[in-house]
């Protein structure tokens, strides 16, 4: 069903500041910028193989930060067929199949068992640039989804069966793309189940010092069980970015 994890949608009330952080500071490359008379409506910024779609919202918007995960369906597959199949299995579509705003394909949105908004895209063009380099980000590691124990069991079955991900512990992968599922009963966490984006970096100390020098507030660097280390940055829009490295 799924060819790749195509991008992660992020609602921002300050498009220029978000472009500065993901583009200028983190070294991402703008691969698409769709504008109207007031400026950018949505911008795709690629870092390693990860793509973030910045979506402009009003300054007083109630919901900002990580908003959805978009998947490109297999070549030659029919979006309407998946829409009918998933609707028949009880999935709630918040947007039925329609043309994309850029006119380069078709899309639909539905909620998975965790409450995260999933986007399915059907198009011939692959927007991701395979050999793109970045001075700060070595790899896109995963997008983290949180779910209650009951919802996690249903997510596990959905990710491995309908979505076709390969499971390894709490990691669900399609090629180099991955989603990690975390089980929790914390109501505050479950209210925002799209938890964070994780990027691989060469050295945590160097990356944290670099981000601090650009006005970002980094958490303490902590060890991981596999011998690597990690820290995070929480943005004003509400998204949490995790950096993992030596």
Protein backbone atom coordinates (compact mmCIF):
# COMPACT_ATOMS: atom_id res chain seq x y z
CA UNK A 1 0.00 0.00 0.00
CA UNK A 2 2.69 2.53 1.04
CA UNK A 3 5.75 3.49 -0.98
CA UNK A 4 7.28 5.98 1.45
CA UNK A 5 6.74 8.31 4.37
CA UNK A 6 6.60 11.41 2.18
CA UNK A 7 6.50 14.31 4.65
CA UNK A 8 5.40 15.56 8.06
CA UNK A 9 2.93 18.45 8.25
CA UNK A 10 3.62 21.28 10.69
CA UNK A 11 1.30 24.24 11.41
CA UNK A 12 3.22 27.46 11.96
CA UNK A 13 1.90 30.93 12.89
CA UNK A 14 5.28 32.44 11.89
CA UNK A 15 6.29 31.09 8.50
CA UNK A 16 9.44 33.20 8.16
CA UNK A 17 10.75 32.15 11.57
CA UNK A 18 10.06 28.48 10.82
CA UNK A 19 11.81 28.77 7.46
CA UNK A 20 14.77 30.35 9.25
CA UNK A 21 15.03 27.50 11.76
CA UNK A 22 14.55 24.52 9.45
CA UNK A 23 16.29 26.10 6.48
CA UNK A 24 18.98 28.51 7.67
CA UNK A 25 19.79 27.02 11.08
CA UNK A 26 19.30 23.28 10.46
CA UNK A 27 20.58 23.50 6.89
CA UNK A 28 17.42 22.20 5.20
CA UNK A 29 16.70 22.78 1.52
CA UNK A 30 13.46 24.35 0.33
CA UNK A 31 12.17 22.02 -2.37
CA UNK A 32 8.75 23.65 -2.81
CA UNK A 33 7.30 27.04 -1.87
CA UNK A 34 3.64 27.67 -2.72
CA UNK A 35 2.74 31.35 -2.28
CA UNK A 36 -0.20 33.72 -2.45
CA UNK A 37 -0.26 37.53 -2.26
CA UNK A 38 0.48 37.39 1.50
CA UNK A 39 3.51 35.11 1.18
CA UNK A 40 4.14 31.39 1.60
CA UNK A 41 1.07 29.22 2.13
CA UNK A 42 3.07 26.03 2.49
CA UNK A 43 6.76 25.24 2.17
CA UNK A 44 8.47 21.86 1.85
CA UNK A 45 11.91 21.73 3.50
CA UNK A 46 14.03 18.60 3.17
CA UNK A 47 16.68 17.46 5.68
CA UNK A 48 18.42 14.20 4.77
CA UNK A 49 15.44 12.15 3.50
CA UNK A 50 13.00 13.81 5.91
CA UNK A 51 10.64 16.44 4.56
CA UNK A 52 8.71 18.90 6.72
CA UNK A 53 5.72 20.69 5.21
CA UNK A 54 5.37 24.09 6.87
CA UNK A 55 1.75 25.23 6.68
CA UNK A 56 0.88 28.85 7.40
CA UNK A 57 -1.85 29.43 10.00
CA UNK A 58 -3.06 32.69 11.62
CA UNK A 59 -0.95 34.11 14.49
CA UNK A 60 -3.79 33.39 16.95
CA UNK A 61 -4.39 29.81 15.75
CA UNK A 62 -5.37 27.43 18.54
CA UNK A 63 -3.53 24.45 17.04
CA UNK A 64 0.09 24.69 15.94
CA UNK A 65 3.03 22.31 15.71
CA UNK A 66 3.09 18.78 14.31
CA UNK A 67 -0.19 18.12 12.49
CA UNK A 68 -0.07 15.08 10.21
CA UNK A 69 2.05 12.36 8.63
CA UNK A 70 1.83 11.95 4.85
CA UNK A 71 2.41 8.70 2.99
CA UNK A 72 2.91 8.25 -0.75
CA UNK A 73 0.98 5.22 -1.96
CA UNK A 74 2.51 2.59 -4.25
CA UNK A 75 2.99 3.43 -7.91
CA UNK A 76 -0.05 2.55 -9.98
CA UNK A 77 -2.32 2.10 -6.95
CA UNK A 78 -5.68 3.84 -6.71
CA UNK A 79 -6.36 6.28 -3.89
CA UNK A 80 -10.11 5.86 -4.25
CA UNK A 81 -9.72 2.13 -3.72
CA UNK A 82 -7.86 2.67 -0.45
CA UNK A 83 -10.47 5.23 0.59
CA UNK A 84 -13.26 2.69 0.09
CA UNK A 85 -11.29 -0.08 1.81
CA UNK A 86 -10.35 1.91 4.89
CA UNK A 87 -13.77 3.55 5.18
CA UNK A 88 -15.30 0.08 5.13
CA UNK A 89 -13.08 -0.89 8.05
CA UNK A 90 -14.36 2.02 10.13
CA UNK A 91 -11.62 4.61 9.64
CA UNK A 92 -12.90 8.16 9.76
CA UNK A 93 -11.83 10.28 6.80
CA UNK A 94 -11.64 13.98 7.54
CA UNK A 95 -11.06 14.69 3.84
CA UNK A 96 -12.22 12.47 0.98
CA UNK A 97 -9.93 12.06 -2.07
CA UNK A 98 -9.41 15.35 -3.92
CA UNK A 99 -6.77 17.14 -6.00
CA UNK A 100 -3.81 18.63 -4.13
CA UNK A 101 -3.54 22.41 -3.82
CA UNK A 102 -0.45 22.32 -6.05
CA UNK A 103 -2.32 20.27 -8.67
CA UNK A 104 0.32 17.51 -8.78
CA UNK A 105 -1.79 14.61 -7.58
CA UNK A 106 -4.59 13.63 -5.23
CA UNK A 107 -4.81 13.25 -1.45
CA UNK A 108 -7.07 12.18 1.40
CA UNK A 109 -6.89 12.47 5.20
CA UNK A 110 -8.03 10.06 7.90
CA UNK A 111 -7.34 9.45 11.61
CA UNK A 112 -5.51 6.34 12.72
CA UNK A 113 -6.28 4.55 16.00
CA UNK A 114 -3.94 6.82 17.98
CA UNK A 115 -5.77 9.92 16.78
CA UNK A 116 -2.91 11.06 14.52
CA UNK A 117 -3.97 12.50 11.18
CA UNK A 118 -2.61 10.44 8.26
CA UNK A 119 -2.49 11.76 4.72
CA UNK A 120 -2.45 9.46 1.71
CA UNK A 121 -1.02 10.93 -1.50
CA UNK A 122 -1.30 9.60 -5.04
CA UNK A 123 1.06 11.21 -7.55
CA UNK A 124 3.76 10.33 -10.02
CA UNK A 125 6.26 12.95 -8.87
CA UNK A 126 8.54 12.05 -5.98
CA UNK A 127 9.37 15.36 -4.32
CA UNK A 128 12.23 14.03 -2.20
CA UNK A 129 15.78 14.51 -3.48
CA UNK A 130 17.68 11.29 -2.81
CA UNK A 131 21.26 12.60 -2.81
CA UNK A 132 20.65 15.86 -0.92
CA UNK A 133 23.33 16.73 1.65
CA UNK A 134 22.99 18.68 4.89
CA UNK A 135 25.78 20.19 7.03
CA UNK A 136 24.03 19.44 10.34
CA UNK A 137 21.52 16.60 9.89
CA UNK A 138 22.86 13.18 8.91
CA UNK A 139 19.57 11.27 8.77
CA UNK A 140 15.85 11.38 9.35
CA UNK A 141 15.36 8.67 11.98
CA UNK A 142 11.63 8.51 12.73
CA UNK A 143 8.40 10.26 13.60
CA UNK A 144 7.08 9.32 17.06
CA UNK A 145 3.42 8.48 17.70
CA UNK A 146 1.95 7.98 21.19
CA UNK A 147 -1.07 5.81 21.90
CA UNK A 148 -2.91 4.29 24.84
CA UNK A 149 -2.32 0.57 25.47
CA UNK A 150 -5.63 -0.36 23.79
CA UNK A 151 -5.07 1.95 20.81
CA UNK A 152 -1.46 0.77 20.43
CA UNK A 153 -2.59 -2.81 19.82
CA UNK A 154 -4.89 -1.63 17.04
CA UNK A 155 -2.17 0.63 15.63
CA UNK A 156 0.25 -2.30 15.58
CA UNK A 157 -2.16 -4.42 13.53
CA UNK A 158 -2.93 -1.52 11.18
CA UNK A 159 0.70 -0.55 10.58
CA UNK A 160 1.81 -4.11 9.84
CA UNK A 161 -1.24 -5.27 7.87
CA UNK A 162 -2.94 -2.45 5.95
CA UNK A 163 0.07 -0.11 5.83
CA UNK A 164 2.63 -2.83 5.16
CA UNK A 165 5.34 -1.65 7.57
CA UNK A 166 8.06 -4.05 8.77
CA UNK A 167 8.00 -4.26 12.57
CA UNK A 168 11.07 -4.28 14.81
CA UNK A 169 10.10 -3.72 18.45
CA UNK A 170 8.21 -0.44 18.56
CA UNK A 171 9.66 0.65 15.21
CA UNK A 172 7.67 0.32 11.98
CA UNK A 173 9.69 0.81 8.80
CA UNK A 174 9.12 1.09 5.08
CA UNK A 175 12.53 1.24 3.43
CA UNK A 176 14.59 3.93 5.17
CA UNK A 177 11.48 5.62 6.59
CA UNK A 178 10.23 4.80 10.06
CA UNK A 179 7.53 5.48 12.60
CA UNK A 180 8.00 4.67 16.29
CA UNK A 181 5.02 3.85 18.49
CA UNK A 182 5.14 4.69 22.20
CA UNK A 183 2.56 3.39 24.65
CA UNK A 184 1.37 5.71 27.42
CA UNK A 185 -1.63 6.38 29.62
CA UNK A 186 -0.69 10.02 30.23
CA UNK A 187 -3.73 12.08 29.10
CA UNK A 188 -1.63 15.17 28.39
CA UNK A 189 0.60 13.21 26.01
CA UNK A 190 -2.35 11.45 24.39
CA UNK A 191 -3.97 14.82 23.69
CA UNK A 192 -1.07 15.50 21.26
CA UNK A 193 -0.23 11.99 20.02
CA UNK A 194 2.16 13.15 17.27
CA UNK A 195 5.07 13.38 19.68
CA UNK A 196 8.29 14.40 17.91
CA UNK A 197 10.57 14.16 14.91
CA UNK A 198 13.97 12.52 15.44
CA UNK A 199 17.08 13.39 13.42
CA UNK A 200 20.50 11.75 13.49
CA UNK A 201 23.50 14.02 14.02
CA UNK A 202 27.24 13.33 14.13
CA UNK A 203 27.89 14.74 17.60
CA UNK A 204 25.35 15.87 20.19
CA UNK A 205 27.71 18.23 21.99
CA UNK A 206 28.58 20.08 18.79
CA UNK A 207 24.98 20.23 17.59
CA UNK A 208 23.63 21.45 20.94
CA UNK A 209 26.31 24.14 21.17
CA UNK A 210 25.53 25.23 17.62
CA UNK A 211 21.78 25.44 18.31
CA UNK A 212 22.32 27.30 21.59
CA UNK A 213 24.43 29.85 19.72
CA UNK A 214 21.42 30.45 17.45
CA UNK A 215 19.06 31.15 20.33
CA UNK A 216 17.51 27.69 20.69
CA UNK A 217 16.92 26.22 24.17
CA UNK A 218 18.31 22.68 24.18
CA UNK A 219 17.57 20.11 26.86
CA UNK A 220 20.35 18.30 28.71
CA UNK A 221 22.16 15.64 26.68
CA UNK A 222 21.26 12.18 27.99
CA UNK A 223 22.55 8.66 27.27
CA UNK A 224 20.57 5.98 25.44
CA UNK A 225 20.68 2.22 25.96
CA UNK A 226 22.41 1.65 22.61
CA UNK A 227 25.37 3.84 23.60
CA UNK A 228 24.28 6.91 21.66
CA UNK A 229 23.04 10.13 23.26
CA UNK A 230 20.14 12.50 22.69
CA UNK A 231 18.68 15.91 23.44
CA UNK A 232 15.69 17.86 22.24
CA UNK A 233 14.48 21.31 21.28
CA UNK A 234 10.85 22.36 21.76
CA UNK A 235 9.83 25.08 19.36
CA UNK A 236 7.46 28.00 20.02
CA UNK A 237 4.96 26.39 17.64
CA UNK A 238 4.91 23.37 19.97
CA UNK A 239 6.82 20.79 17.93
CA UNK A 240 9.53 18.76 19.65
CA UNK A 241 12.67 17.92 17.67
CA UNK A 242 14.93 15.16 19.02
CA UNK A 243 18.58 14.90 18.01
CA UNK A 244 20.42 11.58 18.41
CA UNK A 245 24.15 11.03 17.95
CA UNK A 246 27.45 10.38 19.69
